[in-house]
Amino acid sequence: MARYVDGFIVAIPTKNVEAYRKLARKAGKVWMEYGALEYVECIADDVKPGKLTSFPQSVKLKADETVAFSWIVYKSRKHRDAVNKKVRVDPRIASIDPKTMPFDGKRMIYGGFKSIVEL
């Protein structure tokens, strides 16, 4: 069954990991209520700087930060678009001030992906 995935990589100040976890739990509940199939947030555990590319380099990681990698799974891109349309206007999400986020959104990398192999 082909699915659609939104993927995210973000740098989080280490001191803000708990605030990020709290925000992620809140956001995840909203996405799941509107039909997302999966919502996963992960914190770097074995993520070393690379010589050419790496997760830390991708977000210009600073010494006092860690990398978060997350994804949301949907049935299809059409399903993703419908879910995200509802999420964007939900007051629990729409009321979040970007200035109070526990990470620098300008360094967030994200995109939508269609699956090509699922085992």
PDB file of N, CA and C in Angstrom:
ATOM      1  N   MET A   1       0.847  -1.186   0.000  1.00  0.00           N
ATOM      2  CA  MET A   1       0.000   0.000   0.000  1.00  0.00           C
ATOM      3  C   MET A   1       0.885   1.240   0.000  1.00  0.00           C
ATOM      4  N   ALA A   2       0.892   1.982  -1.062  1.00  0.00           N
ATOM      5  CA  ALA A   2       1.674   3.219  -1.127  1.00  0.00           C
ATOM      6  C   ALA A   2       1.059   4.265  -0.207  1.00  0.00           C
ATOM      7  N   ARG A   3       1.929   4.963   0.516  1.00  0.00           N
ATOM      8  CA  ARG A   3       1.472   6.007   1.430  1.00  0.00           C
ATOM      9  C   ARG A   3       2.252   7.276   1.141  1.00  0.00           C
ATOM     10  N   TYR A   4       1.897   8.333   1.828  1.00  0.00           N
ATOM     11  CA  TYR A   4       2.556   9.623   1.662  1.00  0.00           C
ATOM     12  C   TYR A   4       3.108  10.046   3.019  1.00  0.00           C
ATOM     13  N   VAL A   5       4.311  10.611   3.017  1.00  0.00           N
ATOM     14  CA  VAL A   5       4.984  10.961   4.270  1.00  0.00           C
ATOM     15  C   VAL A   5       5.490  12.399   4.216  1.00  0.00           C
ATOM     16  N   ASP A   6       5.190  13.166   5.249  1.00  0.00           N
ATOM     17  CA  ASP A   6       5.836  14.453   5.461  1.00  0.00           C
ATOM     18  C   ASP A   6       7.005  14.206   6.394  1.00  0.00           C
ATOM     19  N   GLY A   7       8.194  14.669   6.019  1.00  0.00           N
ATOM     20  CA  GLY A   7       9.378  14.488   6.843  1.00  0.00           C
ATOM     21  C   GLY A   7       9.944  15.819   7.282  1.00  0.00           C
ATOM     22  N   PHE A   8      10.555  15.831   8.475  1.00  0.00           N
ATOM     23  CA  PHE A   8      11.078  17.060   9.069  1.00  0.00           C
ATOM     24  C   PHE A   8      12.413  16.805   9.761  1.00  0.00           C
ATOM     25  N   ILE A   9      13.311  17.752   9.654  1.00  0.00           N
ATOM     26  CA  ILE A   9      14.554  17.761  10.427  1.00  0.00           C
ATOM     27  C   ILE A   9      14.678  19.164  11.003  1.00  0.00           C
ATOM     28  N   VAL A  10      14.962  19.258  12.302  1.00  0.00           N
ATOM     29  CA  VAL A  10      15.038  20.563  12.950  1.00  0.00           C
ATOM     30  C   VAL A  10      16.102  20.541  14.050  1.00  0.00           C
ATOM     31  N   ALA A  11      16.732  21.681  14.254  1.00  0.00           N
ATOM     32  CA  ALA A  11      17.684  21.848  15.356  1.00  0.00           C
ATOM     33  C   ALA A  11      16.928  22.396  16.563  1.00  0.00           C
ATOM     34  N   ILE A  12      17.158  21.766  17.709  1.00  0.00           N
ATOM     35  CA  ILE A  12      16.489  22.195  18.941  1.00  0.00           C
ATOM     36  C   ILE A  12      17.555  22.500  19.985  1.00  0.00           C
ATOM     37  N   PRO A  13      17.509  23.680  20.595  1.00  0.00           N
ATOM     38  CA  PRO A  13      18.417  23.907  21.725  1.00  0.00           C
ATOM     39  C   PRO A  13      18.187  22.803  22.760  1.00  0.00           C
ATOM     40  N   THR A  14      19.256  22.213  23.238  1.00  0.00           N
ATOM     41  CA  THR A  14      19.151  21.086  24.173  1.00  0.00           C
ATOM     42  C   THR A  14      18.279  21.440  25.373  1.00  0.00           C
ATOM     43  N   LYS A  15      18.374  22.669  25.835  1.00  0.00           N
ATOM     44  CA  LYS A  15      17.568  23.094  26.982  1.00  0.00           C
ATOM     45  C   LYS A  15      16.065  23.112  26.671  1.00  0.00           C
ATOM     46  N   ASN A  16      15.695  23.062  25.373  1.00  0.00           N
ATOM     47  CA  ASN A  16      14.287  23.130  24.972  1.00  0.00           C
ATOM     48  C   ASN A  16      13.688  21.783  24.574  1.00  0.00           C
ATOM     49  N   VAL A  17      14.406  20.699  24.791  1.00  0.00           N
ATOM     50  CA  VAL A  17      13.909  19.388  24.349  1.00  0.00           C
ATOM     51  C   VAL A  17      12.578  19.052  25.016  1.00  0.00           C
ATOM     52  N   GLU A  18      12.433  19.310  26.296  1.00  0.00           N
ATOM     53  CA  GLU A  18      11.164  18.999  26.968  1.00  0.00           C
ATOM     54  C   GLU A  18      10.031  19.875  26.434  1.00  0.00           C
ATOM     55  N   ALA A  19      10.304  21.140  26.184  1.00  0.00           N
ATOM     56  CA  ALA A  19       9.282  22.024  25.606  1.00  0.00           C
ATOM     57  C   ALA A  19       8.897  21.533  24.208  1.00  0.00           C
ATOM     58  N   TYR A  20       9.886  21.065  23.450  1.00  0.00           N
ATOM     59  CA  TYR A  20       9.625  20.516  22.113  1.00  0.00           C
ATOM     60  C   TYR A  20       8.761  19.260  22.227  1.00  0.00           C
ATOM     61  N   ARG A  21       9.101  18.386  23.176  1.00  0.00           N
ATOM     62  CA  ARG A  21       8.322  17.159  23.375  1.00  0.00           C
ATOM     63  C   ARG A  21       6.864  17.502  23.711  1.00  0.00           C
ATOM     64  N   LYS A  22       6.665  18.473  24.557  1.00  0.00           N
ATOM     65  CA  LYS A  22       5.308  18.883  24.943  1.00  0.00           C
ATOM     66  C   LYS A  22       4.544  19.409  23.725  1.00  0.00           C
ATOM     67  N   LEU A  23       5.195  20.257  22.934  1.00  0.00           N
ATOM     68  CA  LEU A  23       4.571  20.789  21.731  1.00  0.00           C
ATOM     69  C   LEU A  23       4.274  19.664  20.735  1.00  0.00           C
ATOM     70  N   ALA A  24       5.206  18.732  20.579  1.00  0.00           N
ATOM     71  CA  ALA A  24       5.038  17.622  19.644  1.00  0.00           C
ATOM     72  C   ALA A  24       3.865  16.726  20.058  1.00  0.00           C
ATOM     73  N   ARG A  25       3.733  16.465  21.342  1.00  0.00           N
ATOM     74  CA  ARG A  25       2.600  15.651  21.814  1.00  0.00           C
ATOM     75  C   ARG A  25       1.276  16.335  21.475  1.00  0.00           C
ATOM     76  N   LYS A  26       1.229  17.637  21.727  1.00  0.00           N
ATOM     77  CA  LYS A  26       0.023  18.410  21.438  1.00  0.00           C
ATOM     78  C   LYS A  26      -0.282  18.375  19.940  1.00  0.00           C
ATOM     79  N   ALA A  27       0.721  18.655  19.130  1.00  0.00           N
ATOM     80  CA  ALA A  27       0.533  18.678  17.677  1.00  0.00           C
ATOM     81  C   ALA A  27       0.173  17.286  17.160  1.00  0.00           C
ATOM     82  N   GLY A  28       0.857  16.276  17.666  1.00  0.00           N
ATOM     83  CA  GLY A  28       0.594  14.917  17.217  1.00  0.00           C
ATOM     84  C   GLY A  28      -0.844  14.492  17.458  1.00  0.00           C
ATOM     85  N   LYS A  29      -1.388  14.861  18.600  1.00  0.00           N
ATOM     86  CA  LYS A  29      -2.784  14.531  18.896  1.00  0.00           C
ATOM     87  C   LYS A  29      -3.718  15.163  17.867  1.00  0.00           C
ATOM     88  N   VAL A  30      -3.419  16.413  17.496  1.00  0.00           N
ATOM     89  CA  VAL A  30      -4.258  17.109  16.511  1.00  0.00           C
ATOM     90  C   VAL A  30      -4.168  16.406  15.163  1.00  0.00           C
ATOM     91  N   TRP A  31      -2.949  16.115  14.705  1.00  0.00           N
ATOM     92  CA  TRP A  31      -2.785  15.439  13.409  1.00  0.00           C
ATOM     93  C   TRP A  31      -3.507  14.093  13.399  1.00  0.00           C
ATOM     94  N   MET A  32      -3.374  13.349  14.474  1.00  0.00           N
ATOM     95  CA  MET A  32      -4.012  12.036  14.532  1.00  0.00           C
ATOM     96  C   MET A  32      -5.542  12.163  14.560  1.00  0.00           C
ATOM     97  N   GLU A  33      -6.058  13.160  15.262  1.00  0.00           N
ATOM     98  CA  GLU A  33      -7.511  13.376  15.292  1.00  0.00           C
ATOM     99  C   GLU A  33      -8.067  13.624  13.898  1.00  0.00           C
ATOM    100  N   TYR A  34      -7.275  14.291  13.055  1.00  0.00           N
ATOM    101  CA  TYR A  34      -7.741  14.615  11.712  1.00  0.00           C
ATOM    102  C   TYR A  34      -7.385  13.552  10.680  1.00  0.00           C
ATOM    103  N   GLY A  35      -6.816  12.433  11.114  1.00  0.00           N
ATOM    104  CA  GLY A  35      -6.666  11.314  10.202  1.00  0.00           C
ATOM    105  C   GLY A  35      -5.268  10.872   9.833  1.00  0.00           C
ATOM    106  N   ALA A  36      -4.219  11.515  10.353  1.00  0.00           N
ATOM    107  CA  ALA A  36      -2.871  11.024  10.074  1.00  0.00           C
ATOM    108  C   ALA A  36      -2.774   9.581  10.548  1.00  0.00           C
ATOM    109  N   LEU A  37      -2.034   8.763   9.819  1.00  0.00           N
ATOM    110  CA  LEU A  37      -1.895   7.352  10.180  1.00  0.00           C
ATOM    111  C   LEU A  37      -0.824   7.130  11.239  1.00  0.00           C
ATOM    112  N   GLU A  38       0.228   7.943  11.188  1.00  0.00           N
ATOM    113  CA  GLU A  38       1.321   7.876  12.166  1.00  0.00           C
ATOM    114  C   GLU A  38       1.870   9.283  12.383  1.00  0.00           C
ATOM    115  N   TYR A  39       2.365   9.523  13.585  1.00  0.00           N
ATOM    116  CA  TYR A  39       3.034  10.781  13.917  1.00  0.00           C
ATOM    117  C   TYR A  39       4.199  10.402  14.820  1.00  0.00           C
ATOM    118  N   VAL A  40       5.429  10.634  14.356  1.00  0.00           N
ATOM    119  CA  VAL A  40       6.615  10.189  15.091  1.00  0.00           C
ATOM    120  C   VAL A  40       7.601  11.340  15.230  1.00  0.00           C
ATOM    121  N   GLU A  41       8.104  11.528  16.440  1.00  0.00           N
ATOM    122  CA  GLU A  41       9.138  12.530  16.736  1.00  0.00           C
ATOM    123  C   GLU A  41      10.320  11.814  17.367  1.00  0.00           C
ATOM    124  N   CYS A  42      11.525  12.087  16.878  1.00  0.00           N
ATOM    125  CA  CYS A  42      12.729  11.425  17.379  1.00  0.00           C
ATOM    126  C   CYS A  42      13.810  12.468  17.674  1.00  0.00           C
ATOM    127  N   ILE A  43      14.608  12.193  18.701  1.00  0.00           N
ATOM    128  CA  ILE A  43      15.750  13.038  19.056  1.00  0.00           C
ATOM    129  C   ILE A  43      17.018  12.269  18.715  1.00  0.00           C
ATOM    130  N   ALA A  44      18.015  12.988  18.197  1.00  0.00           N
ATOM    131  CA  ALA A  44      19.278  12.374  17.783  1.00  0.00           C
ATOM    132  C   ALA A  44      19.902  11.573  18.923  1.00  0.00           C
ATOM    133  N   ASP A  45      20.408  10.402  18.561  1.00  0.00           N
ATOM    134  CA  ASP A  45      21.091   9.543  19.518  1.00  0.00           C
ATOM    135  C   ASP A  45      22.466   9.143  18.980  1.00  0.00           C
ATOM    136  N   ASP A  46      22.539   8.823  17.701  1.00  0.00           N
ATOM    137  CA  ASP A  46      23.776   8.421  17.063  1.00  0.00           C
ATOM    138  C   ASP A  46      23.875   9.172  15.738  1.00  0.00           C
ATOM    139  N   VAL A  47      24.103  10.470  15.825  1.00  0.00           N
ATOM    140  CA  VAL A  47      24.097  11.348  14.660  1.00  0.00           C
ATOM    141  C   VAL A  47      25.381  12.176  14.676  1.00  0.00           C
ATOM    142  N   LYS A  48      26.349  11.713  13.937  1.00  0.00           N
ATOM    143  CA  LYS A  48      27.655  12.364  13.931  1.00  0.00           C
ATOM    144  C   LYS A  48      27.775  13.362  12.788  1.00  0.00           C
ATOM    145  N   PRO A  49      28.577  14.402  12.971  1.00  0.00           N
ATOM    146  CA  PRO A  49      28.829  15.328  11.862  1.00  0.00           C
ATOM    147  C   PRO A  49      29.528  14.587  10.732  1.00  0.00           C
ATOM    148  N   GLY A  50      29.184  14.912   9.514  1.00  0.00           N
ATOM    149  CA  GLY A  50      29.802  14.252   8.370  1.00  0.00           C
ATOM    150  C   GLY A  50      30.901  15.103   7.761  1.00  0.00           C
ATOM    151  N   LYS A  51      31.582  14.522   6.797  1.00  0.00           N
ATOM    152  CA  LYS A  51      32.608  15.274   6.071  1.00  0.00           C
ATOM    153  C   LYS A  51      31.965  16.100   4.965  1.00  0.00           C
ATOM    154  N   LEU A  52      30.939  15.551   4.319  1.00  0.00           N
ATOM    155  CA  LEU A  52      30.255  16.265   3.246  1.00  0.00           C
ATOM    156  C   LEU A  52      28.817  16.609   3.606  1.00  0.00           C
ATOM    157  N   THR A  53      28.103  15.628   4.171  1.00  0.00           N
ATOM    158  CA  THR A  53      26.708  15.856   4.553  1.00  0.00           C
ATOM    159  C   THR A  53      26.406  15.112   5.848  1.00  0.00           C
ATOM    160  N   SER A  54      25.415  15.577   6.567  1.00  0.00           N
ATOM    161  CA  SER A  54      24.966  14.913   7.792  1.00  0.00           C
ATOM    162  C   SER A  54      23.732  15.634   8.312  1.00  0.00           C
ATOM    163  N   PHE A  55      23.042  14.999   9.235  1.00  0.00           N
ATOM    164  CA  PHE A  55      21.909  15.670   9.869  1.00  0.00           C
ATOM    165  C   PHE A  55      22.357  16.948  10.571  1.00  0.00           C
ATOM    166  N   PRO A  56      23.436  16.929  11.367  1.00  0.00           N
ATOM    167  CA  PRO A  56      23.869  18.182  12.003  1.00  0.00           C
ATOM    168  C   PRO A  56      24.192  19.287  10.999  1.00  0.00           C
ATOM    169  N   GLN A  57      24.851  18.937   9.910  1.00  0.00           N
ATOM    170  CA  GLN A  57      25.179  19.952   8.914  1.00  0.00           C
ATOM    171  C   GLN A  57      23.936  20.489   8.221  1.00  0.00           C
ATOM    172  N   SER A  58      22.946  19.643   8.036  1.00  0.00           N
ATOM    173  CA  SER A  58      21.744  20.054   7.308  1.00  0.00           C
ATOM    174  C   SER A  58      21.003  21.192   7.996  1.00  0.00           C
ATOM    175  N   VAL A  59      21.087  21.249   9.326  1.00  0.00           N
ATOM    176  CA  VAL A  59      20.385  22.297  10.084  1.00  0.00           C
ATOM    177  C   VAL A  59      21.345  23.311  10.708  1.00  0.00           C
ATOM    178  N   LYS A  60      22.623  23.249  10.287  1.00  0.00           N
ATOM    179  CA  LYS A  60      23.649  24.143  10.846  1.00  0.00           C
ATOM    180  C   LYS A  60      23.644  24.063  12.367  1.00  0.00           C
ATOM    181  N   LEU A  61      23.743  22.835  12.870  1.00  0.00           N
ATOM    182  CA  LEU A  61      23.653  22.566  14.301  1.00  0.00           C
ATOM    183  C   LEU A  61      24.719  23.307  15.090  1.00  0.00           C
ATOM    184  N   LYS A  62      24.304  23.928  16.176  1.00  0.00           N
ATOM    185  CA  LYS A  62      25.212  24.629  17.089  1.00  0.00           C
ATOM    186  C   LYS A  62      25.577  23.697  18.249  1.00  0.00           C
ATOM    187  N   ALA A  63      26.608  24.043  18.983  1.00  0.00           N
ATOM    188  CA  ALA A  63      27.128  23.186  20.062  1.00  0.00           C
ATOM    189  C   ALA A  63      26.082  22.876  21.136  1.00  0.00           C
ATOM    190  N   ASP A  64      25.173  23.780  21.379  1.00  0.00           N
ATOM    191  CA  ASP A  64      24.179  23.589  22.445  1.00  0.00           C
ATOM    192  C   ASP A  64      22.835  23.090  21.911  1.00  0.00           C
ATOM    193  N   GLU A  65      22.846  22.444  20.740  1.00  0.00           N
ATOM    194  CA  GLU A  65      21.613  21.969  20.119  1.00  0.00           C
ATOM    195  C   GLU A  65      21.686  20.468  19.831  1.00  0.00           C
ATOM    196  N   THR A  66      20.511  19.904  19.558  1.00  0.00           N
ATOM    197  CA  THR A  66      20.399  18.514  19.114  1.00  0.00           C
ATOM    198  C   THR A  66      19.472  18.492  17.906  1.00  0.00           C
ATOM    199  N   VAL A  67      19.490  17.402  17.177  1.00  0.00           N
ATOM    200  CA  VAL A  67      18.661  17.269  15.977  1.00  0.00           C
ATOM    201  C   VAL A  67      17.413  16.452  16.294  1.00  0.00           C
ATOM    202  N   ALA A  68      16.285  16.918  15.778  1.00  0.00           N
ATOM    203  CA  ALA A  68      15.050  16.133  15.828  1.00  0.00           C
ATOM    204  C   ALA A  68      14.701  15.718  14.405  1.00  0.00           C
ATOM    205  N   PHE A  69      14.243  14.498  14.276  1.00  0.00           N
ATOM    206  CA  PHE A  69      13.828  13.939  12.997  1.00  0.00           C
ATOM    207  C   PHE A  69      12.411  13.435  13.208  1.00  0.00           C
ATOM    208  N   SER A  70      11.498  13.841  12.362  1.00  0.00           N
ATOM    209  CA  SER A  70      10.109  13.435  12.567  1.00  0.00           C
ATOM    210  C   SER A  70       9.412  13.208  11.240  1.00  0.00           C
ATOM    211  N   TRP A  71       8.296  12.481  11.329  1.00  0.00           N
ATOM    212  CA  TRP A  71       7.508  12.238  10.130  1.00  0.00           C
ATOM    213  C   TRP A  71       6.063  12.001  10.498  1.00  0.00           C
ATOM    214  N   ILE A  72       5.218  12.288   9.507  1.00  0.00           N
ATOM    215  CA  ILE A  72       3.784  12.058   9.629  1.00  0.00           C
ATOM    216  C   ILE A  72       3.374  11.250   8.401  1.00  0.00           C
ATOM    217  N   VAL A  73       2.616  10.182   8.611  1.00  0.00           N
ATOM    218  CA  VAL A  73       2.226   9.305   7.513  1.00  0.00           C
ATOM    219  C   VAL A  73       0.734   9.492   7.192  1.00  0.00           C
ATOM    220  N   TYR A  74       0.448   9.489   5.897  1.00  0.00           N
ATOM    221  CA  TYR A  74      -0.916   9.651   5.391  1.00  0.00           C
ATOM    222  C   TYR A  74      -1.214   8.565   4.355  1.00  0.00           C
ATOM    223  N   LYS A  75      -2.474   8.439   3.980  1.00  0.00           N
ATOM    224  CA  LYS A  75      -2.871   7.467   2.958  1.00  0.00           C
ATOM    225  C   LYS A  75      -2.346   7.864   1.579  1.00  0.00           C
ATOM    226  N   SER A  76      -2.326   9.166   1.302  1.00  0.00           N
ATOM    227  CA  SER A  76      -1.946   9.683  -0.011  1.00  0.00           C
ATOM    228  C   SER A  76      -1.647  11.174   0.117  1.00  0.00           C
ATOM    229  N   ARG A  77      -1.154  11.772  -0.946  1.00  0.00           N
ATOM    230  CA  ARG A  77      -0.925  13.219  -0.911  1.00  0.00           C
ATOM    231  C   ARG A  77      -2.253  13.960  -0.759  1.00  0.00           C
ATOM    232  N   LYS A  78      -3.293  13.477  -1.421  1.00  0.00           N
ATOM    233  CA  LYS A  78      -4.611  14.104  -1.306  1.00  0.00           C
ATOM    234  C   LYS A  78      -5.080  14.055   0.149  1.00  0.00           C
ATOM    235  N   HIS A  79      -4.874  12.909   0.790  1.00  0.00           N
ATOM    236  CA  HIS A  79      -5.239  12.765   2.199  1.00  0.00           C
ATOM    237  C   HIS A  79      -4.413  13.717   3.060  1.00  0.00           C
ATOM    238  N   ARG A  80      -3.090  13.799   2.794  1.00  0.00           N
ATOM    239  CA  ARG A  80      -2.223  14.729   3.529  1.00  0.00           C
ATOM    240  C   ARG A  80      -2.734  16.158   3.403  1.00  0.00           C
ATOM    241  N   ASP A  81      -3.057  16.569   2.179  1.00  0.00           N
ATOM    242  CA  ASP A  81      -3.526  17.941   1.960  1.00  0.00           C
ATOM    243  C   ASP A  81      -4.818  18.215   2.727  1.00  0.00           C
ATOM    244  N   ALA A  82      -5.714  17.240   2.767  1.00  0.00           N
ATOM    245  CA  ALA A  82      -6.985  17.411   3.488  1.00  0.00           C
ATOM    246  C   ALA A  82      -6.750  17.490   4.993  1.00  0.00           C
ATOM    247  N   VAL A  83      -5.895  16.620   5.521  1.00  0.00           N
ATOM    248  CA  VAL A  83      -5.587  16.638   6.955  1.00  0.00           C
ATOM    249  C   VAL A  83      -4.926  17.962   7.329  1.00  0.00           C
ATOM    250  N   ASN A  84      -3.913  18.366   6.563  1.00  0.00           N
ATOM    251  CA  ASN A  84      -3.187  19.600   6.892  1.00  0.00           C
ATOM    252  C   ASN A  84      -4.074  20.838   6.796  1.00  0.00           C
ATOM    253  N   LYS A  85      -5.029  20.831   5.894  1.00  0.00           N
ATOM    254  CA  LYS A  85      -5.961  21.957   5.785  1.00  0.00           C
ATOM    255  C   LYS A  85      -6.747  22.111   7.092  1.00  0.00           C
ATOM    256  N   LYS A  86      -7.176  20.993   7.656  1.00  0.00           N
ATOM    257  CA  LYS A  86      -7.923  21.024   8.918  1.00  0.00           C
ATOM    258  C   LYS A  86      -7.014  21.403  10.087  1.00  0.00           C
ATOM    259  N   VAL A  87      -5.793  20.880  10.084  1.00  0.00           N
ATOM    260  CA  VAL A  87      -4.846  21.159  11.172  1.00  0.00           C
ATOM    261  C   VAL A  87      -4.522  22.653  11.220  1.00  0.00           C
ATOM    262  N   ARG A  88      -4.280  23.243  10.057  1.00  0.00           N
ATOM    263  CA  ARG A  88      -3.879  24.662  10.013  1.00  0.00           C
ATOM    264  C   ARG A  88      -4.901  25.597  10.660  1.00  0.00           C
ATOM    265  N   VAL A  89      -6.181  25.258  10.580  1.00  0.00           N
ATOM    266  CA  VAL A  89      -7.209  26.144  11.154  1.00  0.00           C
ATOM    267  C   VAL A  89      -7.662  25.712  12.547  1.00  0.00           C
ATOM    268  N   ASP A  90      -7.170  24.581  13.016  1.00  0.00           N
ATOM    269  CA  ASP A  90      -7.522  24.137  14.362  1.00  0.00           C
ATOM    270  C   ASP A  90      -6.926  25.131  15.361  1.00  0.00           C
ATOM    271  N   PRO A  91      -7.731  25.654  16.298  1.00  0.00           N
ATOM    272  CA  PRO A  91      -7.237  26.667  17.237  1.00  0.00           C
ATOM    273  C   PRO A  91      -6.054  26.205  18.086  1.00  0.00           C
ATOM    274  N   ARG A  92      -5.932  24.906  18.317  1.00  0.00           N
ATOM    275  CA  ARG A  92      -4.799  24.409  19.101  1.00  0.00           C
ATOM    276  C   ARG A  92      -3.475  24.583  18.358  1.00  0.00           C
ATOM    277  N   ILE A  93      -3.531  24.631  17.047  1.00  0.00           N
ATOM    278  CA  ILE A  93      -2.332  24.819  16.238  1.00  0.00           C
ATOM    279  C   ILE A  93      -2.240  26.268  15.758  1.00  0.00           C
ATOM    280  N   ALA A  94      -3.357  26.809  15.264  1.00  0.00           N
ATOM    281  CA  ALA A  94      -3.360  28.173  14.723  1.00  0.00           C
ATOM    282  C   ALA A  94      -2.981  29.218  15.765  1.00  0.00           C
ATOM    283  N   SER A  95      -3.199  28.915  17.037  1.00  0.00           N
ATOM    284  CA  SER A  95      -2.906  29.893  18.095  1.00  0.00           C
ATOM    285  C   SER A  95      -1.443  29.886  18.534  1.00  0.00           C
ATOM    286  N   ILE A  96      -0.645  28.952  18.024  1.00  0.00           N
ATOM    287  CA  ILE A  96       0.762  28.880  18.420  1.00  0.00           C
ATOM    288  C   ILE A  96       1.532  30.019  17.758  1.00  0.00           C
ATOM    289  N   ASP A  97       2.173  30.829  18.564  1.00  0.00           N
ATOM    290  CA  ASP A  97       2.975  31.942  18.065  1.00  0.00           C
ATOM    291  C   ASP A  97       4.337  31.411  17.616  1.00  0.00           C
ATOM    292  N   PRO A  98       4.673  31.571  16.336  1.00  0.00           N
ATOM    293  CA  PRO A  98       5.970  31.073  15.855  1.00  0.00           C
ATOM    294  C   PRO A  98       7.161  31.613  16.651  1.00  0.00           C
ATOM    295  N   LYS A  99       7.016  32.768  17.261  1.00  0.00           N
ATOM    296  CA  LYS A  99       8.108  33.365  18.044  1.00  0.00           C
ATOM    297  C   LYS A  99       8.365  32.603  19.346  1.00  0.00           C
ATOM    298  N   THR A 100       7.388  31.801  19.783  1.00  0.00           N
ATOM    299  CA  THR A 100       7.551  31.065  21.046  1.00  0.00           C
ATOM    300  C   THR A 100       7.926  29.600  20.821  1.00  0.00           C
ATOM    301  N   MET A 101       8.174  29.229  19.586  1.00  0.00           N
ATOM    302  CA  MET A 101       8.533  27.836  19.295  1.00  0.00           C
ATOM    303  C   MET A 101       9.851  27.494  19.980  1.00  0.00           C
ATOM    304  N   PRO A 102      10.012  26.248  20.446  1.00  0.00           N
ATOM    305  CA  PRO A 102      11.246  25.858  21.134  1.00  0.00           C
ATOM    306  C   PRO A 102      12.386  25.488  20.173  1.00  0.00           C
ATOM    307  N   PHE A 103      12.290  25.955  18.931  1.00  0.00           N
ATOM    308  CA  PHE A 103      13.330  25.699  17.931  1.00  0.00           C
ATOM    309  C   PHE A 103      13.309  26.820  16.907  1.00  0.00           C
ATOM    310  N   ASP A 104      14.332  26.880  16.080  1.00  0.00           N
ATOM    311  CA  ASP A 104      14.447  27.897  15.033  1.00  0.00           C
ATOM    312  C   ASP A 104      13.811  27.362  13.755  1.00  0.00           C
ATOM    313  N   GLY A 105      12.603  27.793  13.476  1.00  0.00           N
ATOM    314  CA  GLY A 105      11.874  27.323  12.306  1.00  0.00           C
ATOM    315  C   GLY A 105      12.539  27.659  10.986  1.00  0.00           C
ATOM    316  N   LYS A 106      13.410  28.656  10.992  1.00  0.00           N
ATOM    317  CA  LYS A 106      14.102  29.037   9.753  1.00  0.00           C
ATOM    318  C   LYS A 106      15.090  27.965   9.314  1.00  0.00           C
ATOM    319  N   ARG A 107      15.501  27.111  10.246  1.00  0.00           N
ATOM    320  CA  ARG A 107      16.450  26.043   9.915  1.00  0.00           C
ATOM    321  C   ARG A 107      15.774  24.684   9.803  1.00  0.00           C
ATOM    322  N   MET A 108      14.458  24.667   9.815  1.00  0.00           N
ATOM    323  CA  MET A 108      13.736  23.405   9.667  1.00  0.00           C
ATOM    324  C   MET A 108      13.746  22.989   8.196  1.00  0.00           C
ATOM    325  N   ILE A 109      14.021  21.715   7.971  1.00  0.00           N
ATOM    326  CA  ILE A 109      13.979  21.138   6.632  1.00  0.00           C
ATOM    327  C   ILE A 109      12.761  20.226   6.600  1.00  0.00           C
ATOM    328  N   TYR A 110      11.940  20.363   5.581  1.00  0.00           N
ATOM    329  CA  TYR A 110      10.736  19.540   5.518  1.00  0.00           C
ATOM    330  C   TYR A 110      10.312  19.326   4.069  1.00  0.00           C
ATOM    331  N   GLY A 111       9.514  18.319   3.876  1.00  0.00           N
ATOM    332  CA  GLY A 111       8.988  18.056   2.552  1.00  0.00           C
ATOM    333  C   GLY A 111       8.078  16.854   2.557  1.00  0.00           C
ATOM    334  N   GLY A 112       7.335  16.694   1.471  1.00  0.00           N
ATOM    335  CA  GLY A 112       6.431  15.573   1.306  1.00  0.00           C
ATOM    336  C   GLY A 112       7.039  14.536   0.377  1.00  0.00           C
ATOM    337  N   PHE A 113       6.827  13.268   0.710  1.00  0.00           N
ATOM    338  CA  PHE A 113       7.434  12.160  -0.029  1.00  0.00           C
ATOM    339  C   PHE A 113       6.392  11.083  -0.303  1.00  0.00           C
ATOM    340  N   LYS A 114       6.387  10.558  -1.523  1.00  0.00           N
ATOM    341  CA  LYS A 114       5.543   9.398  -1.805  1.00  0.00           C
ATOM    342  C   LYS A 114       6.395   8.162  -1.639  1.00  0.00           C
ATOM    343  N   SER A 115       5.841   7.158  -0.985  1.00  0.00           N
ATOM    344  CA  SER A 115       6.592   5.940  -0.733  1.00  0.00           C
ATOM    345  C   SER A 115       6.769   5.150  -2.021  1.00  0.00           C
ATOM    346  N   ILE A 116       7.927   4.492  -2.134  1.00  0.00           N
ATOM    347  CA  ILE A 116       8.183   3.644  -3.296  1.00  0.00           C
ATOM    348  C   ILE A 116       8.503   2.211  -2.900  1.00  0.00           C
ATOM    349  N   VAL A 117       8.832   1.993  -1.615  1.00  0.00           N
ATOM    350  CA  VAL A 117       9.048   0.638  -1.094  1.00  0.00           C
ATOM    351  C   VAL A 117       8.499   0.606   0.328  1.00  0.00           C
ATOM    352  N   GLU A 118       7.671  -0.377   0.607  1.00  0.00           N
ATOM    353  CA  GLU A 118       7.166  -0.589   1.965  1.00  0.00           C
ATOM    354  C   GLU A 118       7.203  -2.085   2.230  1.00  0.00           C
ATOM    355  N   LEU A 119       7.919  -2.495   3.257  1.00  0.00           N
ATOM    356  CA  LEU A 119       8.052  -3.913   3.586  1.00  0.00           C
ATOM    357  C   LEU A 119       7.408  -4.199   4.926  1.00  0.00           C
TER     358      LEU A 119
END
